[in-house]
Protein backbone atom coordinates (compact mmCIF):
# COMPACT_ATOMS: atom_id res chain seq x y z
CA SER A 1 -23.46 -3.69 -70.67
CA PRO A 2 -23.82 -7.14 -69.18
CA VAL A 3 -22.10 -10.35 -70.11
CA ARG A 4 -24.42 -12.74 -69.60
CA ILE A 5 -22.97 -16.58 -68.51
CA SER A 6 -25.06 -19.73 -68.35
CA LEU A 7 -24.74 -23.59 -68.40
CA PRO A 8 -22.29 -24.88 -69.19
CA PHE A 9 -20.08 -22.38 -67.86
CA PRO A 10 -16.68 -21.75 -69.81
CA ASP A 11 -13.32 -22.61 -68.43
CA THR A 12 -12.11 -19.20 -69.35
CA LEU A 13 -14.21 -16.03 -70.41
CA ASN A 14 -12.68 -12.91 -71.33
CA VAL A 15 -14.70 -9.93 -70.55
CA ASP A 16 -12.30 -7.45 -72.99
CA ALA A 17 -14.65 -4.35 -72.40
CA MET A 18 -14.05 -4.22 -68.51
CA GLY A 19 -10.71 -5.88 -69.23
CA ILE A 20 -11.34 -8.74 -67.12
CA GLY A 21 -11.19 -12.47 -67.51
CA LEU A 22 -13.47 -15.34 -65.47
CA ARG A 23 -12.46 -18.61 -64.78
CA PHE A 24 -15.23 -21.20 -63.80
CA PHE A 25 -14.63 -24.24 -61.69
CA GLN A 26 -16.94 -26.62 -60.12
CA CYS A 27 -16.06 -28.67 -57.11
CA ARG A 28 -17.43 -30.89 -54.39
CA PRO A 29 -17.02 -28.53 -51.05
CA ASP A 30 -14.94 -31.04 -49.18
CA ARG A 31 -12.17 -29.66 -52.07
CA LEU A 32 -12.34 -26.10 -50.78
CA PRO A 33 -9.20 -24.26 -49.25
CA CYS A 34 -9.56 -22.85 -45.91
CA TRP A 35 -11.43 -19.69 -45.98
CA LYS A 36 -8.38 -17.81 -44.73
CA ASN A 37 -6.36 -19.11 -47.81
CA ILE A 38 -8.88 -17.73 -50.63
CA PRO A 39 -7.25 -14.66 -52.42
CA CYS A 40 -9.63 -11.77 -52.82
CA ASN A 41 -10.19 -12.52 -56.61
CA GLN A 42 -11.73 -15.91 -55.79
CA ALA A 43 -15.30 -16.47 -54.55
CA HIS A 44 -17.18 -19.99 -53.96
CA PHE A 45 -20.79 -20.34 -54.20
CA ASP A 46 -23.22 -22.92 -53.28
CA LEU A 47 -24.28 -23.62 -57.21
CA ALA A 48 -27.95 -24.65 -55.89
CA LYS A 49 -28.53 -20.85 -54.74
CA LEU A 50 -27.64 -19.29 -57.78
CA SER A 51 -30.45 -18.39 -60.23
CA LEU A 52 -28.76 -18.58 -63.66
CA PRO A 53 -27.99 -16.81 -66.09
CA LEU A 54 -24.95 -15.15 -64.27
CA ARG A 55 -24.24 -11.51 -65.17
CA VAL A 56 -21.00 -9.62 -64.94
CA ARG A 57 -21.55 -5.88 -65.00
CA HIS A 58 -19.87 -2.16 -63.76
CA THR A 59 -21.67 -0.84 -60.35
CA ILE A 60 -24.93 1.09 -60.68
CA PRO A 61 -25.94 3.92 -58.37
CA GLY A 62 -28.19 2.35 -55.79
CA ASP A 63 -27.16 -1.26 -56.02
CA ARG A 64 -27.54 -3.22 -52.51
CA PHE A 65 -26.22 -6.58 -51.65
CA VAL A 66 -26.00 -8.69 -48.38
CA PRO A 67 -22.55 -8.72 -47.50
CA LEU A 68 -20.94 -12.22 -46.46
CA GLY A 69 -21.26 -12.39 -42.74
CA ALA A 70 -24.16 -9.51 -42.76
CA SER A 71 -27.55 -10.08 -41.98
CA GLY A 72 -29.39 -7.79 -43.99
CA SER A 73 -28.71 -5.79 -47.27
CA GLN A 74 -26.56 -2.84 -47.74
CA LYS A 75 -25.95 -0.13 -50.17
CA LEU A 76 -22.77 -0.50 -52.21
CA LYS A 77 -22.01 3.33 -51.63
CA LYS A 78 -22.43 2.49 -47.72
CA PHE A 79 -19.86 -0.56 -48.23
CA PHE A 80 -17.39 1.21 -50.39
CA ILE A 81 -17.34 4.22 -47.76
CA ASP A 82 -17.16 1.68 -44.70
CA HIS A 83 -14.00 -0.22 -46.17
CA HIS A 84 -12.66 2.74 -47.82
CA VAL A 85 -12.88 1.94 -51.09
CA PRO A 86 -11.14 4.93 -53.21
CA ARG A 87 -14.15 6.96 -54.98
CA ARG A 88 -12.13 6.60 -58.40
CA ASP A 89 -12.36 2.93 -57.74
CA ARG A 90 -16.10 2.86 -57.34
CA GLY A 91 -17.57 3.48 -60.47
CA GLN A 92 -14.93 0.49 -62.09
CA THR A 93 -15.97 -1.84 -59.56
CA THR A 94 -17.39 -4.95 -60.97
CA VAL A 95 -19.96 -7.32 -59.92
CA LEU A 96 -20.92 -10.68 -60.93
CA THR A 97 -25.07 -11.05 -60.34
CA ASP A 98 -27.16 -13.87 -61.08
CA GLY A 99 -31.16 -13.74 -61.90
CA LYS A 100 -32.05 -12.28 -58.42
CA ARG A 101 -28.97 -9.75 -57.06
CA ILE A 102 -25.25 -9.21 -56.52
CA VAL A 103 -23.74 -12.26 -55.26
CA TRP A 104 -20.00 -10.90 -55.90
CA VAL A 105 -18.97 -6.99 -55.32
CA MET A 106 -15.36 -8.40 -57.16
CA GLY A 107 -12.30 -7.95 -55.60
CA HIS A 108 -14.23 -7.00 -52.14
CA ARG A 109 -17.28 -9.31 -50.83
CA MET A 110 -19.41 -12.08 -51.91
CA SER A 111 -23.18 -12.21 -50.58
CA ASP A 112 -24.13 -14.04 -47.90
CA GLU A 113 -27.20 -15.38 -49.83
CA VAL A 114 -25.15 -17.36 -52.07
CA LYS A 115 -22.38 -18.71 -49.65
CA VAL A 116 -21.29 -22.18 -49.08
CA THR A 117 -22.91 -24.13 -45.71
CA PRO A 118 -22.65 -27.37 -44.44
CA GLN A 119 -25.40 -28.56 -46.70
CA THR A 120 -23.89 -27.51 -49.90
CA THR A 121 -23.43 -30.06 -52.32
CA GLN A 122 -22.17 -28.46 -55.53
CA VAL A 123 -19.60 -25.57 -55.51
CA LEU A 124 -18.93 -22.82 -58.35
CA ARG A 125 -15.64 -20.99 -58.02
CA VAL A 126 -15.18 -18.15 -59.98
CA GLU A 127 -11.96 -16.40 -60.18
CA TYR A 128 -11.17 -12.95 -61.88
CA PHE A 129 -8.14 -11.84 -63.28
CA LEU A 130 -7.19 -8.12 -65.49
CA LEU A 131 -6.26 -8.80 -69.00
CA ASP A 132 -2.96 -7.73 -70.20
CA THR A 133 -3.89 -4.25 -71.85
């Protein structure tokens, strides 16, 4: 079942059932690293565009999202096929959702709908890591 995350964001949250942990960090947009230097286990969101609470869950058939850089939504299945994600990994993929939609297919791509823009005033950085099992 999904894990719910609301304000104030915890520094660190362990999701034992999924074997992952999450770190949350709020910063100003001028403190962001160059996007080329951002590892795939991190995403930066425009905090004002998120509709809280956030939730972490595994993917479910029929999931859709708007990949960063895309103009419209796409089924996750098609995204996985286009990006050569092995079938065995797809069911284990974790997504971060807000009240309306998937905002991050963790380890792959965040949603274009919540990206940081020149108008952004507050950034939420989310980083995930594997728990030692």
